Amino acid sequence: MKRINIFFLTFLQEPLWFKLLVSTTFLASVIFSNTFFSYNLYYDSGSKLAAAIFLGAYGFKLRRTRKYSIPLFFLSGISLYLAWYYATNA
């Protein structure tokens, strides 16, 4: 719990544009991955793209710590591939 609290406090110290980017992409990823939007693969693609931006932003923020940044960039790349896959096969 202490680690989550520290992570949240560092999030509050970030610039406004970073807070907006992370919050918007996280909410878009959660909303578009909802089953209400499952009939259209473009929403799935948008969800994966938002997740890729979210993970890439945190990977870029934590780029000095390779232990965390490399997995985040890897997951961001997988999300980008899945977004492309869903967009081209819709």
PDB file of N, CA and C in Angstrom:
ATOM      1  N   MET A   1       0.820  -1.189   0.000  1.00  0.00           N
ATOM      2  CA  MET A   1       0.000   0.000   0.000  1.00  0.00           C
ATOM      3  C   MET A   1       0.865   1.254   0.000  1.00  0.00           C
ATOM      4  N   LYS A   2       1.989   1.165   0.669  1.00  0.00           N
ATOM      5  CA  LYS A   2       2.891   2.314   0.735  1.00  0.00           C
ATOM      6  C   LYS A   2       3.438   2.654  -0.653  1.00  0.00           C
ATOM      7  N   ARG A   3       3.728   1.623  -1.442  1.00  0.00           N
ATOM      8  CA  ARG A   3       4.252   1.844  -2.788  1.00  0.00           C
ATOM      9  C   ARG A   3       3.211   2.508  -3.691  1.00  0.00           C
ATOM     10  N   ILE A   4       1.963   2.105  -3.553  1.00  0.00           N
ATOM     11  CA  ILE A   4       0.886   2.716  -4.336  1.00  0.00           C
ATOM     12  C   ILE A   4       0.708   4.175  -3.939  1.00  0.00           C
ATOM     13  N   ASN A   5       0.787   4.461  -2.656  1.00  0.00           N
ATOM     14  CA  ASN A   5       0.664   5.827  -2.175  1.00  0.00           C
ATOM     15  C   ASN A   5       1.791   6.707  -2.720  1.00  0.00           C
ATOM     16  N   ILE A   6       3.000   6.195  -2.744  1.00  0.00           N
ATOM     17  CA  ILE A   6       4.140   6.945  -3.292  1.00  0.00           C
ATOM     18  C   ILE A   6       3.947   7.177  -4.785  1.00  0.00           C
ATOM     19  N   PHE A   7       3.475   6.157  -5.502  1.00  0.00           N
ATOM     20  CA  PHE A   7       3.240   6.301  -6.938  1.00  0.00           C
ATOM     21  C   PHE A   7       2.163   7.339  -7.216  1.00  0.00           C
ATOM     22  N   PHE A   8       1.114   7.357  -6.388  1.00  0.00           N
ATOM     23  CA  PHE A   8       0.052   8.338  -6.549  1.00  0.00           C
ATOM     24  C   PHE A   8       0.556   9.753  -6.248  1.00  0.00           C
ATOM     25  N   LEU A   9       1.375   9.889  -5.225  1.00  0.00           N
ATOM     26  CA  LEU A   9       1.910  11.215  -4.891  1.00  0.00           C
ATOM     27  C   LEU A   9       2.844  11.736  -5.978  1.00  0.00           C
ATOM     28  N   THR A  10       3.616  10.861  -6.602  1.00  0.00           N
ATOM     29  CA  THR A  10       4.456  11.318  -7.714  1.00  0.00           C
ATOM     30  C   THR A  10       3.612  11.658  -8.937  1.00  0.00           C
ATOM     31  N   PHE A  11       2.479  10.955  -9.105  1.00  0.00           N
ATOM     32  CA  PHE A  11       1.566  11.295 -10.197  1.00  0.00           C
ATOM     33  C   PHE A  11       1.007  12.700 -10.011  1.00  0.00           C
ATOM     34  N   LEU A  12       0.699  13.076  -8.785  1.00  0.00           N
ATOM     35  CA  LEU A  12       0.161  14.406  -8.520  1.00  0.00           C
ATOM     36  C   LEU A  12       1.179  15.514  -8.776  1.00  0.00           C
ATOM     37  N   GLN A  13       2.460  15.177  -8.744  1.00  0.00           N
ATOM     38  CA  GLN A  13       3.502  16.166  -8.988  1.00  0.00           C
ATOM     39  C   GLN A  13       3.855  16.319 -10.461  1.00  0.00           C
ATOM     40  N   GLU A  14       3.272  15.499 -11.319  1.00  0.00           N
ATOM     41  CA  GLU A  14       3.550  15.566 -12.754  1.00  0.00           C
ATOM     42  C   GLU A  14       2.885  16.800 -13.362  1.00  0.00           C
ATOM     43  N   PRO A  15       3.363  17.221 -14.552  1.00  0.00           N
ATOM     44  CA  PRO A  15       2.720  18.354 -15.222  1.00  0.00           C
ATOM     45  C   PRO A  15       1.286  18.019 -15.643  1.00  0.00           C
ATOM     46  N   LEU A  16       0.524  19.059 -15.885  1.00  0.00           N
ATOM     47  CA  LEU A  16      -0.897  18.893 -16.209  1.00  0.00           C
ATOM     48  C   LEU A  16      -1.099  18.094 -17.491  1.00  0.00           C
ATOM     49  N   TRP A  17      -0.261  18.325 -18.518  1.00  0.00           N
ATOM     50  CA  TRP A  17      -0.440  17.620 -19.779  1.00  0.00           C
ATOM     51  C   TRP A  17      -0.250  16.113 -19.594  1.00  0.00           C
ATOM     52  N   PHE A  18       0.677  15.709 -18.713  1.00  0.00           N
ATOM     53  CA  PHE A  18       0.897  14.288 -18.471  1.00  0.00           C
ATOM     54  C   PHE A  18      -0.290  13.682 -17.734  1.00  0.00           C
ATOM     55  N   LYS A  19      -0.820  14.402 -16.756  1.00  0.00           N
ATOM     56  CA  LYS A  19      -1.994  13.910 -16.030  1.00  0.00           C
ATOM     57  C   LYS A  19      -3.185  13.733 -16.970  1.00  0.00           C
ATOM     58  N   LEU A  20      -3.386  14.709 -17.852  1.00  0.00           N
ATOM     59  CA  LEU A  20      -4.503  14.616 -18.799  1.00  0.00           C
ATOM     60  C   LEU A  20      -4.308  13.470 -19.788  1.00  0.00           C
ATOM     61  N   LEU A  21      -3.092  13.313 -20.300  1.00  0.00           N
ATOM     62  CA  LEU A  21      -2.802  12.243 -21.252  1.00  0.00           C
ATOM     63  C   LEU A  21      -3.041  10.877 -20.622  1.00  0.00           C
ATOM     64  N   VAL A  22      -2.497  10.665 -19.447  1.00  0.00           N
ATOM     65  CA  VAL A  22      -2.620   9.365 -18.791  1.00  0.00           C
ATOM     66  C   VAL A  22      -4.066   9.094 -18.390  1.00  0.00           C
ATOM     67  N   SER A  23      -4.726  10.079 -17.831  1.00  0.00           N
ATOM     68  CA  SER A  23      -6.112   9.882 -17.402  1.00  0.00           C
ATOM     69  C   SER A  23      -7.038   9.621 -18.592  1.00  0.00           C
ATOM     70  N   THR A  24      -6.865  10.384 -19.657  1.00  0.00           N
ATOM     71  CA  THR A  24      -7.720  10.227 -20.837  1.00  0.00           C
ATOM     72  C   THR A  24      -7.502   8.888 -21.516  1.00  0.00           C
ATOM     73  N   THR A  25      -6.265   8.495 -21.691  1.00  0.00           N
ATOM     74  CA  THR A  25      -6.005   7.222 -22.364  1.00  0.00           C
ATOM     75  C   THR A  25      -6.440   6.039 -21.508  1.00  0.00           C
ATOM     76  N   PHE A  26      -6.282   6.144 -20.197  1.00  0.00           N
ATOM     77  CA  PHE A  26      -6.738   5.058 -19.332  1.00  0.00           C
ATOM     78  C   PHE A  26      -8.255   4.913 -19.392  1.00  0.00           C
ATOM     79  N   LEU A  27      -8.967   6.033 -19.302  1.00  0.00           N
ATOM     80  CA  LEU A  27     -10.423   5.973 -19.373  1.00  0.00           C
ATOM     81  C   LEU A  27     -10.911   5.499 -20.740  1.00  0.00           C
ATOM     82  N   ALA A  28     -10.262   5.954 -21.806  1.00  0.00           N
ATOM     83  CA  ALA A  28     -10.650   5.502 -23.147  1.00  0.00           C
ATOM     84  C   ALA A  28     -10.421   4.006 -23.308  1.00  0.00           C
ATOM     85  N   SER A  29      -9.342   3.523 -22.772  1.00  0.00           N
ATOM     86  CA  SER A  29      -9.054   2.095 -22.863  1.00  0.00           C
ATOM     87  C   SER A  29     -10.095   1.276 -22.107  1.00  0.00           C
ATOM     88  N   VAL A  30     -10.466   1.730 -20.939  1.00  0.00           N
ATOM     89  CA  VAL A  30     -11.457   0.996 -20.143  1.00  0.00           C
ATOM     90  C   VAL A  30     -12.840   1.088 -20.783  1.00  0.00           C
ATOM     91  N   ILE A  31     -13.231   2.261 -21.242  1.00  0.00           N
ATOM     92  CA  ILE A  31     -14.569   2.440 -21.803  1.00  0.00           C
ATOM     93  C   ILE A  31     -14.721   1.690 -23.127  1.00  0.00           C
ATOM     94  N   PHE A  32     -13.743   1.796 -24.018  1.00  0.00           N
ATOM     95  CA  PHE A  32     -13.876   1.155 -25.325  1.00  0.00           C
ATOM     96  C   PHE A  32     -13.683  -0.357 -25.278  1.00  0.00           C
ATOM     97  N   SER A  33     -13.128  -0.888 -24.200  1.00  0.00           N
ATOM     98  CA  SER A  33     -13.015  -2.338 -24.094  1.00  0.00           C
ATOM     99  C   SER A  33     -14.256  -2.950 -23.445  1.00  0.00           C
ATOM    100  N   ASN A  34     -15.240  -2.133 -23.151  1.00  0.00           N
ATOM    101  CA  ASN A  34     -16.490  -2.583 -22.560  1.00  0.00           C
ATOM    102  C   ASN A  34     -17.252  -3.461 -23.554  1.00  0.00           C
ATOM    103  N   THR A  35     -18.064  -4.368 -23.049  1.00  0.00           N
ATOM    104  CA  THR A  35     -18.825  -5.249 -23.931  1.00  0.00           C
ATOM    105  C   THR A  35     -19.913  -4.500 -24.699  1.00  0.00           C
ATOM    106  N   PHE A  36     -20.279  -3.310 -24.269  1.00  0.00           N
ATOM    107  CA  PHE A  36     -21.266  -2.520 -24.997  1.00  0.00           C
ATOM    108  C   PHE A  36     -20.757  -2.153 -26.391  1.00  0.00           C
ATOM    109  N   PHE A  37     -19.426  -1.978 -26.531  1.00  0.00           N
ATOM    110  CA  PHE A  37     -18.825  -1.612 -27.810  1.00  0.00           C
ATOM    111  C   PHE A  37     -18.248  -2.818 -28.556  1.00  0.00           C
ATOM    112  N   SER A  38     -18.549  -4.025 -28.136  1.00  0.00           N
ATOM    113  CA  SER A  38     -17.901  -5.200 -28.718  1.00  0.00           C
ATOM    114  C   SER A  38     -18.374  -5.518 -30.134  1.00  0.00           C
ATOM    115  N   TYR A  39     -19.459  -4.929 -30.587  1.00  0.00           N
ATOM    116  CA  TYR A  39     -19.966  -5.231 -31.929  1.00  0.00           C
ATOM    117  C   TYR A  39     -19.116  -4.594 -33.021  1.00  0.00           C
ATOM    118  N   ASN A  40     -18.305  -3.605 -32.695  1.00  0.00           N
ATOM    119  CA  ASN A  40     -17.505  -2.907 -33.692  1.00  0.00           C
ATOM    120  C   ASN A  40     -16.026  -3.041 -33.334  1.00  0.00           C
ATOM    121  N   LEU A  41     -15.250  -3.608 -34.251  1.00  0.00           N
ATOM    122  CA  LEU A  41     -13.828  -3.822 -33.974  1.00  0.00           C
ATOM    123  C   LEU A  41     -13.024  -2.529 -33.954  1.00  0.00           C
ATOM    124  N   TYR A  42     -13.562  -1.441 -34.489  1.00  0.00           N
ATOM    125  CA  TYR A  42     -12.842  -0.174 -34.431  1.00  0.00           C
ATOM    126  C   TYR A  42     -12.747   0.340 -32.995  1.00  0.00           C
ATOM    127  N   TYR A  43     -13.754   0.050 -32.184  1.00  0.00           N
ATOM    128  CA  TYR A  43     -13.670   0.429 -30.777  1.00  0.00           C
ATOM    129  C   TYR A  43     -12.609  -0.400 -30.061  1.00  0.00           C
ATOM    130  N   ASP A  44     -12.504  -1.683 -30.414  1.00  0.00           N
ATOM    131  CA  ASP A  44     -11.439  -2.508 -29.852  1.00  0.00           C
ATOM    132  C   ASP A  44     -10.077  -1.975 -30.263  1.00  0.00           C
ATOM    133  N   SER A  45      -9.958  -1.561 -31.510  1.00  0.00           N
ATOM    134  CA  SER A  45      -8.707  -0.989 -31.986  1.00  0.00           C
ATOM    135  C   SER A  45      -8.370   0.298 -31.241  1.00  0.00           C
ATOM    136  N   GLY A  46      -9.374   1.136 -31.028  1.00  0.00           N
ATOM    137  CA  GLY A  46      -9.159   2.376 -30.270  1.00  0.00           C
ATOM    138  C   GLY A  46      -8.769   2.106 -28.835  1.00  0.00           C
ATOM    139  N   SER A  47      -9.348   1.063 -28.261  1.00  0.00           N
ATOM    140  CA  SER A  47      -8.995   0.679 -26.899  1.00  0.00           C
ATOM    141  C   SER A  47      -7.543   0.238 -26.808  1.00  0.00           C
ATOM    142  N   LYS A  48      -7.121  -0.567 -27.766  1.00  0.00           N
ATOM    143  CA  LYS A  48      -5.727  -1.030 -27.768  1.00  0.00           C
ATOM    144  C   LYS A  48      -4.753   0.122 -28.020  1.00  0.00           C
ATOM    145  N   LEU A  49      -5.146   1.051 -28.893  1.00  0.00           N
ATOM    146  CA  LEU A  49      -4.296   2.214 -29.156  1.00  0.00           C
ATOM    147  C   LEU A  49      -4.173   3.096 -27.918  1.00  0.00           C
ATOM    148  N   ALA A  50      -5.270   3.289 -27.200  1.00  0.00           N
ATOM    149  CA  ALA A  50      -5.223   4.076 -25.967  1.00  0.00           C
ATOM    150  C   ALA A  50      -4.351   3.388 -24.921  1.00  0.00           C
ATOM    151  N   ALA A  51      -4.440   2.068 -24.836  1.00  0.00           N
ATOM    152  CA  ALA A  51      -3.591   1.327 -23.897  1.00  0.00           C
ATOM    153  C   ALA A  51      -2.121   1.455 -24.283  1.00  0.00           C
ATOM    154  N   ALA A  52      -1.820   1.436 -25.589  1.00  0.00           N
ATOM    155  CA  ALA A  52      -0.439   1.581 -26.045  1.00  0.00           C
ATOM    156  C   ALA A  52       0.112   2.959 -25.686  1.00  0.00           C
ATOM    157  N   ILE A  53      -0.702   3.991 -25.853  1.00  0.00           N
ATOM    158  CA  ILE A  53      -0.254   5.338 -25.495  1.00  0.00           C
ATOM    159  C   ILE A  53      -0.048   5.445 -23.994  1.00  0.00           C
ATOM    160  N   PHE A  54      -0.957   4.862 -23.219  1.00  0.00           N
ATOM    161  CA  PHE A  54      -0.840   4.869 -21.760  1.00  0.00           C
ATOM    162  C   PHE A  54       0.446   4.174 -21.310  1.00  0.00           C
ATOM    163  N   LEU A  55       0.682   2.973 -21.827  1.00  0.00           N
ATOM    164  CA  LEU A  55       1.875   2.221 -21.434  1.00  0.00           C
ATOM    165  C   LEU A  55       3.152   2.892 -21.928  1.00  0.00           C
ATOM    166  N   GLY A  56       3.103   3.472 -23.134  1.00  0.00           N
ATOM    167  CA  GLY A  56       4.266   4.177 -23.657  1.00  0.00           C
ATOM    168  C   GLY A  56       4.592   5.419 -22.857  1.00  0.00           C
ATOM    169  N   ALA A  57       3.562   6.114 -22.391  1.00  0.00           N
ATOM    170  CA  ALA A  57       3.799   7.315 -21.589  1.00  0.00           C
ATOM    171  C   ALA A  57       4.475   6.963 -20.269  1.00  0.00           C
ATOM    172  N   TYR A  58       4.004   5.904 -19.625  1.00  0.00           N
ATOM    173  CA  TYR A  58       4.644   5.496 -18.378  1.00  0.00           C
ATOM    174  C   TYR A  58       6.013   4.873 -18.631  1.00  0.00           C
ATOM    175  N   GLY A  59       6.186   4.192 -19.746  1.00  0.00           N
ATOM    176  CA  GLY A  59       7.512   3.683 -20.085  1.00  0.00           C
ATOM    177  C   GLY A  59       8.502   4.806 -20.320  1.00  0.00           C
ATOM    178  N   PHE A  60       8.038   5.870 -20.957  1.00  0.00           N
ATOM    179  CA  PHE A  60       8.903   7.023 -21.179  1.00  0.00           C
ATOM    180  C   PHE A  60       9.207   7.737 -19.867  1.00  0.00           C
ATOM    181  N   LYS A  61       8.223   7.795 -18.984  1.00  0.00           N
ATOM    182  CA  LYS A  61       8.439   8.437 -17.688  1.00  0.00           C
ATOM    183  C   LYS A  61       9.460   7.664 -16.867  1.00  0.00           C
ATOM    184  N   LEU A  62       9.406   6.348 -16.919  1.00  0.00           N
ATOM    185  CA  LEU A  62      10.293   5.496 -16.128  1.00  0.00           C
ATOM    186  C   LEU A  62      11.496   5.003 -16.936  1.00  0.00           C
ATOM    187  N   ARG A  63      11.902   5.752 -17.951  1.00  0.00           N
ATOM    188  CA  ARG A  63      12.946   5.285 -18.857  1.00  0.00           C
ATOM    189  C   ARG A  63      14.312   5.123 -18.184  1.00  0.00           C
ATOM    190  N   ARG A  64      14.541   5.752 -17.058  1.00  0.00           N
ATOM    191  CA  ARG A  64      15.822   5.600 -16.361  1.00  0.00           C
ATOM    192  C   ARG A  64      15.894   4.285 -15.602  1.00  0.00           C
ATOM    193  N   THR A  65      14.756   3.685 -15.332  1.00  0.00           N
ATOM    194  CA  THR A  65      14.703   2.403 -14.645  1.00  0.00           C
ATOM    195  C   THR A  65      14.356   1.338 -15.680  1.00  0.00           C
ATOM    196  N   ARG A  66      15.356   0.686 -16.210  1.00  0.00           N
ATOM    197  CA  ARG A  66      15.129  -0.285 -17.288  1.00  0.00           C
ATOM    198  C   ARG A  66      14.289  -1.473 -16.837  1.00  0.00           C
ATOM    199  N   LYS A  67      14.329  -1.768 -15.553  1.00  0.00           N
ATOM    200  CA  LYS A  67      13.555  -2.879 -15.015  1.00  0.00           C
ATOM    201  C   LYS A  67      12.064  -2.682 -15.271  1.00  0.00           C
ATOM    202  N   TYR A  68      11.611  -1.435 -15.294  1.00  0.00           N
ATOM    203  CA  TYR A  68      10.201  -1.139 -15.506  1.00  0.00           C
ATOM    204  C   TYR A  68       9.918  -0.629 -16.916  1.00  0.00           C
ATOM    205  N   SER A  69      10.835   0.113 -17.502  1.00  0.00           N
ATOM    206  CA  SER A  69      10.554   0.737 -18.796  1.00  0.00           C
ATOM    207  C   SER A  69      10.529  -0.276 -19.942  1.00  0.00           C
ATOM    208  N   ILE A  70      11.411  -1.242 -19.937  1.00  0.00           N
ATOM    209  CA  ILE A  70      11.458  -2.214 -21.035  1.00  0.00           C
ATOM    210  C   ILE A  70      10.165  -3.039 -21.111  1.00  0.00           C
ATOM    211  N   PRO A  71       9.651  -3.580 -19.993  1.00  0.00           N
ATOM    212  CA  PRO A  71       8.363  -4.286 -20.108  1.00  0.00           C
ATOM    213  C   PRO A  71       7.205  -3.380 -20.541  1.00  0.00           C
ATOM    214  N   LEU A  72       7.224  -2.120 -20.100  1.00  0.00           N
ATOM    215  CA  LEU A  72       6.153  -1.205 -20.507  1.00  0.00           C
ATOM    216  C   LEU A  72       6.228  -0.903 -21.999  1.00  0.00           C
ATOM    217  N   PHE A  73       7.435  -0.699 -22.529  1.00  0.00           N
ATOM    218  CA  PHE A  73       7.579  -0.479 -23.967  1.00  0.00           C
ATOM    219  C   PHE A  73       7.210  -1.737 -24.755  1.00  0.00           C
ATOM    220  N   PHE A  74       7.546  -2.904 -24.228  1.00  0.00           N
ATOM    221  CA  PHE A  74       7.193  -4.157 -24.884  1.00  0.00           C
ATOM    222  C   PHE A  74       5.672  -4.324 -24.949  1.00  0.00           C
ATOM    223  N   LEU A  75       4.999  -4.072 -23.838  1.00  0.00           N
ATOM    224  CA  LEU A  75       3.544  -4.162 -23.813  1.00  0.00           C
ATOM    225  C   LEU A  75       2.902  -3.096 -24.693  1.00  0.00           C
ATOM    226  N   SER A  76       3.528  -1.935 -24.770  1.00  0.00           N
ATOM    227  CA  SER A  76       3.034  -0.888 -25.658  1.00  0.00           C
ATOM    228  C   SER A  76       3.130  -1.331 -27.117  1.00  0.00           C
ATOM    229  N   GLY A  77       4.223  -1.986 -27.467  1.00  0.00           N
ATOM    230  CA  GLY A  77       4.387  -2.495 -28.823  1.00  0.00           C
ATOM    231  C   GLY A  77       3.362  -3.570 -29.158  1.00  0.00           C
ATOM    232  N   ILE A  78       3.091  -4.448 -28.198  1.00  0.00           N
ATOM    233  CA  ILE A  78       2.065  -5.473 -28.414  1.00  0.00           C
ATOM    234  C   ILE A  78       0.699  -4.824 -28.599  1.00  0.00           C
ATOM    235  N   SER A  79       0.403  -3.809 -27.806  1.00  0.00           N
ATOM    236  CA  SER A  79      -0.880  -3.113 -27.938  1.00  0.00           C
ATOM    237  C   SER A  79      -0.995  -2.401 -29.278  1.00  0.00           C
ATOM    238  N   LEU A  80       0.104  -1.817 -29.752  1.00  0.00           N
ATOM    239  CA  LEU A  80       0.084  -1.184 -31.076  1.00  0.00           C
ATOM    240  C   LEU A  80      -0.171  -2.203 -32.171  1.00  0.00           C
ATOM    241  N   TYR A  81       0.474  -3.365 -32.066  1.00  0.00           N
ATOM    242  CA  TYR A  81       0.239  -4.412 -33.053  1.00  0.00           C
ATOM    243  C   TYR A  81      -1.216  -4.868 -33.042  1.00  0.00           C
ATOM    244  N   LEU A  82      -1.774  -5.068 -31.838  1.00  0.00           N
ATOM    245  CA  LEU A  82      -3.170  -5.499 -31.751  1.00  0.00           C
ATOM    246  C   LEU A  82      -4.114  -4.426 -32.271  1.00  0.00           C
ATOM    247  N   ALA A  83      -3.799  -3.152 -32.036  1.00  0.00           N
ATOM    248  CA  ALA A  83      -4.633  -2.070 -32.572  1.00  0.00           C
ATOM    249  C   ALA A  83      -4.608  -2.091 -34.084  1.00  0.00           C
ATOM    250  N   TRP A  84      -3.437  -2.272 -34.669  1.00  0.00           N
ATOM    251  CA  TRP A  84      -3.316  -2.350 -36.116  1.00  0.00           C
ATOM    252  C   TRP A  84      -4.064  -3.576 -36.652  1.00  0.00           C
ATOM    253  N   TYR A  85      -3.925  -4.701 -35.972  1.00  0.00           N
ATOM    254  CA  TYR A  85      -4.571  -5.930 -36.402  1.00  0.00           C
ATOM    255  C   TYR A  85      -6.094  -5.792 -36.405  1.00  0.00           C
ATOM    256  N   TYR A  86      -6.645  -5.242 -35.315  1.00  0.00           N
ATOM    257  CA  TYR A  86      -8.096  -5.062 -35.244  1.00  0.00           C
ATOM    258  C   TYR A  86      -8.585  -4.035 -36.251  1.00  0.00           C
ATOM    259  N   ALA A  87      -7.784  -3.010 -36.528  1.00  0.00           N
ATOM    260  CA  ALA A  87      -8.219  -1.976 -37.467  1.00  0.00           C
ATOM    261  C   ALA A  87      -8.224  -2.493 -38.897  1.00  0.00           C
ATOM    262  N   THR A  88      -7.264  -3.336 -39.255  1.00  0.00           N
ATOM    263  CA  THR A  88      -7.199  -3.820 -40.640  1.00  0.00           C
ATOM    264  C   THR A  88      -8.141  -4.989 -40.887  1.00  0.00           C
ATOM    265  N   ASN A  89      -8.539  -5.704 -39.846  1.00  0.00           N
ATOM    266  CA  ASN A  89      -9.430  -6.860 -40.013  1.00  0.00           C
ATOM    267  C   ASN A  89     -10.860  -6.566 -39.591  1.00  0.00           C
ATOM    268  N   ALA A  90     -11.208  -5.300 -39.509  1.00  0.00           N
ATOM    269  CA  ALA A  90     -12.570  -4.954 -39.071  1.00  0.00           C
ATOM    270  C   ALA A  90     -13.559  -5.094 -40.215  1.00  0.00           C
TER     271      ALA A  90
END
